[in-house]
Each structure stands twice: as C-alpha cells, then as structure tokens.
Amino acid sequence: MKQTTLCYIDDGDSYLMLHRVKKENDASHGKWIGVGGKCEADESPDECMLREVKEETGLEITEWHYRGIVTFISDTWPNEYMHLFTATAWRGEPDMGIDDEGELAWIKKGDLPILPGVGNPALTLWEGDRIFLRLLLDESTPFFSLKLVYEQDEMVKATLNGAAL
C-alpha cells in the first residue's frame, strides 16, 4: 500500500493549499488539497511531510501535529495510507510559484466547503477531504482514523474511528 503525507499549513484563519492544475494525469487534477506527497524508502511520515513541504513551498516547518491517518481504497487509483498533519509554525515565506504540480494559495477556513453544497463552489475538493477538513477544524478531535472508499471519483463509503458515517 502506498504511503503519503498531506499537511495543512495553518496561519490562524487560513490554510496554505495547492490547486492541482499542472499535471494532466493526476488523480487530484483540478482539486484543492494540502501540501504533501509520497514517502520515500526508509522515510518516516514526519520526515516525508517536512521534505515535501520544503520542496513544494520553500517553508521549513518548525511546529507540526500528526492529526490522523486516512486509508484510501479505490477501484481506479492505487490504495494508500495518507498521514495527515497540520503545521502552525515555520521559517521563511511560501514561494507561491515553486510547485510543479499546481498553484499555492492561502484559503480562508471559513471558505472551505465543509459540508456538501456549502461554501465556495470554486473550491473543488474530494468528498472525503470535506470530512477530514471538518475534523482538522474541530479541536476536540486531536487524532482520527478515517477510511474512504471510492468507485471512480465517487466516495461510496466512509468510516471514522471504526464507525460508519
């Protein structure tokens, strides 16, 4: 199973997010996601997240929180374990033009479409991302395990901490 990381860099009222628009054969093409990527051999999730954030934004993360693990099952794309982080302190300024996969932007948390049909329709997200973004914003949920099952691009099942949603 593929291992990946995703980090939402939090400046208080916004997350630094990536609009995946540069690669055509990209499972997340056109979607807004956090910053991250695939773990390399012998790399821990923390090390992967720190490396990927540096490569994609130019930022050196100095304070982060491991918030959850998301298991993606798909009939189209390789299955993966995604290690989910938030970062609250860093050195440097984000280089908004550095990433070769998309365009970086600070997105106000209040503009995120947390529930289907709510929020800014221009912010295209995976349906499962709506679930874990809601969990990231909920301070009473410090860590979670989320399983998402997709058929094509449609989420057909979600399980949070062992309970069906």
C-alpha atoms as a PDB file:
ATOM      1  CA  MET A   1       0.000   0.000   0.000  1.00  0.00           C
ATOM      2  CA  LYS A   2       1.343   3.421  -0.956  1.00  0.00           C
ATOM      3  CA  GLN A   3       2.291   5.773   1.933  1.00  0.00           C
ATOM      4  CA  THR A   4       1.778   9.522   1.512  1.00  0.00           C
ATOM      5  CA  THR A   5       1.600  12.668   3.620  1.00  0.00           C
ATOM      6  CA  LEU A   6      -0.570  15.749   3.464  1.00  0.00           C
ATOM      7  CA  CYS A   7      -0.005  18.906   5.501  1.00  0.00           C
ATOM      8  CA  TYR A   8      -2.325  21.857   6.028  1.00  0.00           C
ATOM      9  CA  ILE A   9      -0.197  24.862   6.960  1.00  0.00           C
ATOM     10  CA  ASP A  10      -2.295  26.914   9.372  1.00  0.00           C
ATOM     11  CA  ASP A  11      -1.801  30.672   9.808  1.00  0.00           C
ATOM     12  CA  GLY A  12      -4.789  31.016  12.153  1.00  0.00           C
ATOM     13  CA  ASP A  13      -7.620  31.850   9.764  1.00  0.00           C
ATOM     14  CA  SER A  14      -6.361  30.180   6.561  1.00  0.00           C
ATOM     15  CA  TYR A  15      -4.686  27.044   5.261  1.00  0.00           C
ATOM     16  CA  LEU A  16      -1.967  27.071   2.600  1.00  0.00           C
ATOM     17  CA  MET A  17      -3.403  24.827  -0.096  1.00  0.00           C
ATOM     18  CA  LEU A  18      -2.382  23.581  -3.508  1.00  0.00           C
ATOM     19  CA  HIS A  19      -4.655  23.794  -6.548  1.00  0.00           C
ATOM     20  CA  ARG A  20      -3.587  20.737  -8.581  1.00  0.00           C
ATOM     21  CA  VAL A  21      -3.736  22.112 -12.131  1.00  0.00           C
ATOM     22  CA  LYS A  22      -0.352  21.458 -13.741  1.00  0.00           C
ATOM     23  CA  LYS A  23      -0.292  17.668 -14.310  1.00  0.00           C
ATOM     24  CA  GLU A  24      -2.898  16.186 -16.649  1.00  0.00           C
ATOM     25  CA  ASN A  25      -2.698  12.544 -15.476  1.00  0.00           C
ATOM     26  CA  ASP A  26      -3.163  13.466 -11.826  1.00  0.00           C
ATOM     27  CA  ALA A  27      -5.804  11.760  -9.672  1.00  0.00           C
ATOM     28  CA  SER A  28      -6.375  15.138  -7.966  1.00  0.00           C
ATOM     29  CA  HIS A  29      -6.316  17.297 -11.122  1.00  0.00           C
ATOM     30  CA  GLY A  30      -8.445  20.405 -10.567  1.00  0.00           C
ATOM     31  CA  LYS A  31      -8.811  19.764  -6.837  1.00  0.00           C
ATOM     32  CA  TRP A  32      -7.592  21.839  -3.864  1.00  0.00           C
ATOM     33  CA  ILE A  33      -5.514  19.835  -1.383  1.00  0.00           C
ATOM     34  CA  GLY A  34      -2.882  20.335   1.304  1.00  0.00           C
ATOM     35  CA  VAL A  35       0.839  20.065   0.574  1.00  0.00           C
ATOM     36  CA  GLY A  36       2.474  16.649   0.529  1.00  0.00           C
ATOM     37  CA  GLY A  37       3.470  13.615  -1.438  1.00  0.00           C
ATOM     38  CA  LYS A  38       4.806  10.064  -1.462  1.00  0.00           C
ATOM     39  CA  CYS A  39       7.064   8.699   1.252  1.00  0.00           C
ATOM     40  CA  GLU A  40      10.484   7.624   0.058  1.00  0.00           C
ATOM     41  CA  ALA A  41      12.188   4.386   1.143  1.00  0.00           C
ATOM     42  CA  ASP A  42      13.123   4.389   4.844  1.00  0.00           C
ATOM     43  CA  GLU A  43      11.427   7.783   5.396  1.00  0.00           C
ATOM     44  CA  SER A  44       9.080   8.313   8.349  1.00  0.00           C
ATOM     45  CA  PRO A  45       5.794  10.168   7.792  1.00  0.00           C
ATOM     46  CA  ASP A  46       7.203  13.209   9.666  1.00  0.00           C
ATOM     47  CA  GLU A  47      10.355  13.241   7.518  1.00  0.00           C
ATOM     48  CA  CYS A  48       8.293  12.914   4.336  1.00  0.00           C
ATOM     49  CA  MET A  49       5.974  15.763   5.320  1.00  0.00           C
ATOM     50  CA  LEU A  50       8.885  18.065   6.206  1.00  0.00           C
ATOM     51  CA  ARG A  51      10.677  17.272   2.917  1.00  0.00           C
ATOM     52  CA  GLU A  52       7.553  17.642   0.768  1.00  0.00           C
ATOM     53  CA  VAL A  53       6.555  20.967   2.364  1.00  0.00           C
ATOM     54  CA  LYS A  54      10.085  22.319   1.800  1.00  0.00           C
ATOM     55  CA  GLU A  55      10.092  21.141  -1.842  1.00  0.00           C
ATOM     56  CA  GLU A  56       6.602  22.423  -2.639  1.00  0.00           C
ATOM     57  CA  THR A  57       6.555  25.702  -0.683  1.00  0.00           C
ATOM     58  CA  GLY A  58      10.116  26.580   0.362  1.00  0.00           C
ATOM     59  CA  LEU A  59       8.974  26.629   4.016  1.00  0.00           C
ATOM     60  CA  GLU A  60      10.836  24.921   6.848  1.00  0.00           C
ATOM     61  CA  ILE A  61       8.194  23.615   9.254  1.00  0.00           C
ATOM     62  CA  THR A  62       9.172  24.057  12.925  1.00  0.00           C
ATOM     63  CA  GLU A  63       5.947  23.010  14.708  1.00  0.00           C
ATOM     64  CA  TRP A  64       3.505  20.385  13.495  1.00  0.00           C
ATOM     65  CA  HIS A  65       0.857  17.979  14.722  1.00  0.00           C
ATOM     66  CA  TYR A  66       0.155  14.487  13.406  1.00  0.00           C
ATOM     67  CA  ARG A  67      -3.634  14.665  13.139  1.00  0.00           C
ATOM     68  CA  GLY A  68      -4.747  11.422  11.559  1.00  0.00           C
ATOM     69  CA  ILE A  69      -4.364   8.583   9.153  1.00  0.00           C
ATOM     70  CA  VAL A  70      -6.613   8.289   6.130  1.00  0.00           C
ATOM     71  CA  THR A  71      -6.951   4.955   4.328  1.00  0.00           C
ATOM     72  CA  PHE A  72      -7.974   5.408   0.693  1.00  0.00           C
ATOM     73  CA  ILE A  73      -9.424   2.417  -1.143  1.00  0.00           C
ATOM     74  CA  SER A  74     -10.132   2.926  -4.852  1.00  0.00           C
ATOM     75  CA  ASP A  75     -11.122   0.855  -7.850  1.00  0.00           C
ATOM     76  CA  THR A  76      -9.235   3.317 -10.083  1.00  0.00           C
ATOM     77  CA  TRP A  77      -6.138   4.531  -8.243  1.00  0.00           C
ATOM     78  CA  PRO A  78      -3.596   2.709  -6.037  1.00  0.00           C
ATOM     79  CA  ASN A  79      -4.744   2.264  -2.441  1.00  0.00           C
ATOM     80  CA  GLU A  80      -2.871   4.361   0.094  1.00  0.00           C
ATOM     81  CA  TYR A  81      -2.336   5.326   3.686  1.00  0.00           C
ATOM     82  CA  MET A  82      -2.192   9.110   3.930  1.00  0.00           C
ATOM     83  CA  HIS A  83      -0.635  10.591   7.070  1.00  0.00           C
ATOM     84  CA  LEU A  84      -2.371  13.900   7.791  1.00  0.00           C
ATOM     85  CA  PHE A  85      -0.627  16.836   9.503  1.00  0.00           C
ATOM     86  CA  THR A  86      -1.240  20.451  10.433  1.00  0.00           C
ATOM     87  CA  ALA A  87       1.646  22.896  10.821  1.00  0.00           C
ATOM     88  CA  THR A  88       1.450  26.025  12.956  1.00  0.00           C
ATOM     89  CA  ALA A  89       4.997  27.433  12.826  1.00  0.00           C
ATOM     90  CA  TRP A  90       7.625  27.704  10.097  1.00  0.00           C
ATOM     91  CA  ARG A  91      10.632  29.621   8.858  1.00  0.00           C
ATOM     92  CA  GLY A  92      10.523  31.574   5.631  1.00  0.00           C
ATOM     93  CA  GLU A  93       7.835  32.827   3.303  1.00  0.00           C
ATOM     94  CA  PRO A  94       5.982  30.490   0.946  1.00  0.00           C
ATOM     95  CA  ASP A  95       7.238  30.591  -2.639  1.00  0.00           C
ATOM     96  CA  MET A  96       3.884  30.657  -4.400  1.00  0.00           C
ATOM     97  CA  GLY A  97       5.408  29.726  -7.776  1.00  0.00           C
ATOM     98  CA  ILE A  98       7.755  26.894  -6.775  1.00  0.00           C
ATOM     99  CA  ASP A  99       5.458  23.862  -7.127  1.00  0.00           C
ATOM    100  CA  ASP A 100       5.386  21.951 -10.419  1.00  0.00           C
ATOM    101  CA  GLU A 101       2.050  20.271  -9.601  1.00  0.00           C
ATOM    102  CA  GLY A 102      -0.144  23.296  -9.029  1.00  0.00           C
ATOM    103  CA  GLU A 103      -0.643  26.750  -7.623  1.00  0.00           C
ATOM    104  CA  LEU A 104      -0.384  27.602  -3.917  1.00  0.00           C
ATOM    105  CA  ALA A 105      -2.870  29.931  -2.224  1.00  0.00           C
ATOM    106  CA  TRP A 106      -3.961  30.835   1.304  1.00  0.00           C
ATOM    107  CA  ILE A 107      -7.591  29.706   1.598  1.00  0.00           C
ATOM    108  CA  LYS A 108      -9.741  31.083   4.417  1.00  0.00           C
ATOM    109  CA  LYS A 109     -11.013  28.290   6.633  1.00  0.00           C
ATOM    110  CA  GLY A 110     -14.490  29.824   6.513  1.00  0.00           C
ATOM    111  CA  ASP A 111     -14.489  29.496   2.709  1.00  0.00           C
ATOM    112  CA  LEU A 112     -13.872  25.752   2.774  1.00  0.00           C
ATOM    113  CA  PRO A 113     -16.946  23.772   1.766  1.00  0.00           C
ATOM    114  CA  ILE A 114     -17.050  21.644   4.897  1.00  0.00           C
ATOM    115  CA  LEU A 115     -20.362  20.020   4.031  1.00  0.00           C
ATOM    116  CA  PRO A 116     -21.587  19.142   0.509  1.00  0.00           C
ATOM    117  CA  GLY A 117     -23.167  22.138  -1.182  1.00  0.00           C
ATOM    118  CA  VAL A 118     -21.877  24.621   1.418  1.00  0.00           C
ATOM    119  CA  GLY A 119     -19.122  27.166   0.891  1.00  0.00           C
ATOM    120  CA  ASN A 120     -17.326  28.429  -2.166  1.00  0.00           C
ATOM    121  CA  PRO A 121     -18.259  26.307  -5.237  1.00  0.00           C
ATOM    122  CA  ALA A 122     -14.945  27.266  -6.875  1.00  0.00           C
ATOM    123  CA  LEU A 123     -13.107  25.260  -4.193  1.00  0.00           C
ATOM    124  CA  THR A 124     -13.302  21.796  -5.676  1.00  0.00           C
ATOM    125  CA  LEU A 125     -12.451  19.164  -3.075  1.00  0.00           C
ATOM    126  CA  TRP A 126     -12.611  15.404  -2.881  1.00  0.00           C
ATOM    127  CA  GLU A 127     -15.724  14.410  -0.929  1.00  0.00           C
ATOM    128  CA  GLY A 128     -13.561  12.648   1.677  1.00  0.00           C
ATOM    129  CA  ASP A 129     -11.429  15.787   2.099  1.00  0.00           C
ATOM    130  CA  ARG A 130     -14.561  17.598   3.257  1.00  0.00           C
ATOM    131  CA  ILE A 131     -14.770  15.087   6.117  1.00  0.00           C
ATOM    132  CA  PHE A 132     -11.169  15.346   7.287  1.00  0.00           C
ATOM    133  CA  LEU A 133     -11.053  19.131   6.875  1.00  0.00           C
ATOM    134  CA  ARG A 134     -14.034  19.331   9.236  1.00  0.00           C
ATOM    135  CA  LEU A 135     -12.107  17.106  11.676  1.00  0.00           C
ATOM    136  CA  LEU A 136      -8.982  19.271  11.396  1.00  0.00           C
ATOM    137  CA  LEU A 137     -11.014  22.352  12.295  1.00  0.00           C
ATOM    138  CA  ASP A 138     -12.568  20.558  15.288  1.00  0.00           C
ATOM    139  CA  GLU A 139     -10.112  20.985  18.160  1.00  0.00           C
ATOM    140  CA  SER A 140     -11.923  18.259  20.132  1.00  0.00           C
ATOM    141  CA  THR A 141     -10.647  15.655  17.638  1.00  0.00           C
ATOM    142  CA  PRO A 142      -6.857  15.626  18.138  1.00  0.00           C
ATOM    143  CA  PHE A 143      -6.301  12.371  16.169  1.00  0.00           C
ATOM    144  CA  PHE A 144      -8.503  10.190  14.000  1.00  0.00           C
ATOM    145  CA  SER A 145      -8.533   7.201  11.676  1.00  0.00           C
ATOM    146  CA  LEU A 146     -10.642   7.684   8.545  1.00  0.00           C
ATOM    147  CA  LYS A 147     -11.260   5.098   5.830  1.00  0.00           C
ATOM    148  CA  LEU A 148     -12.605   6.330   2.495  1.00  0.00           C
ATOM    149  CA  VAL A 149     -13.760   4.020  -0.298  1.00  0.00           C
ATOM    150  CA  TYR A 150     -14.090   5.402  -3.820  1.00  0.00           C
ATOM    151  CA  GLU A 151     -15.579   3.962  -7.003  1.00  0.00           C
ATOM    152  CA  GLN A 152     -14.218   6.042  -9.851  1.00  0.00           C
ATOM    153  CA  ASP A 153     -14.271   9.565  -8.358  1.00  0.00           C
ATOM    154  CA  GLU A 154     -17.315   8.978  -6.142  1.00  0.00           C
ATOM    155  CA  MET A 155     -16.968   8.282  -2.425  1.00  0.00           C
ATOM    156  CA  VAL A 156     -19.177   5.275  -1.631  1.00  0.00           C
ATOM    157  CA  LYS A 157     -18.206   4.603   1.996  1.00  0.00           C
ATOM    158  CA  ALA A 158     -16.605   6.452   4.895  1.00  0.00           C
ATOM    159  CA  THR A 159     -15.649   5.054   8.294  1.00  0.00           C
ATOM    160  CA  LEU A 160     -14.401   7.250  11.142  1.00  0.00           C
ATOM    161  CA  ASN A 161     -12.652   5.544  14.066  1.00  0.00           C
ATOM    162  CA  GLY A 162     -14.395   2.270  13.151  1.00  0.00           C
ATOM    163  CA  ALA A 163     -17.915   3.716  12.834  1.00  0.00           C
ATOM    164  CA  ALA A 164     -19.704   4.167   9.501  1.00  0.00           C
ATOM    165  CA  LEU A 165     -20.535   7.755   8.574  1.00  0.00           C
END
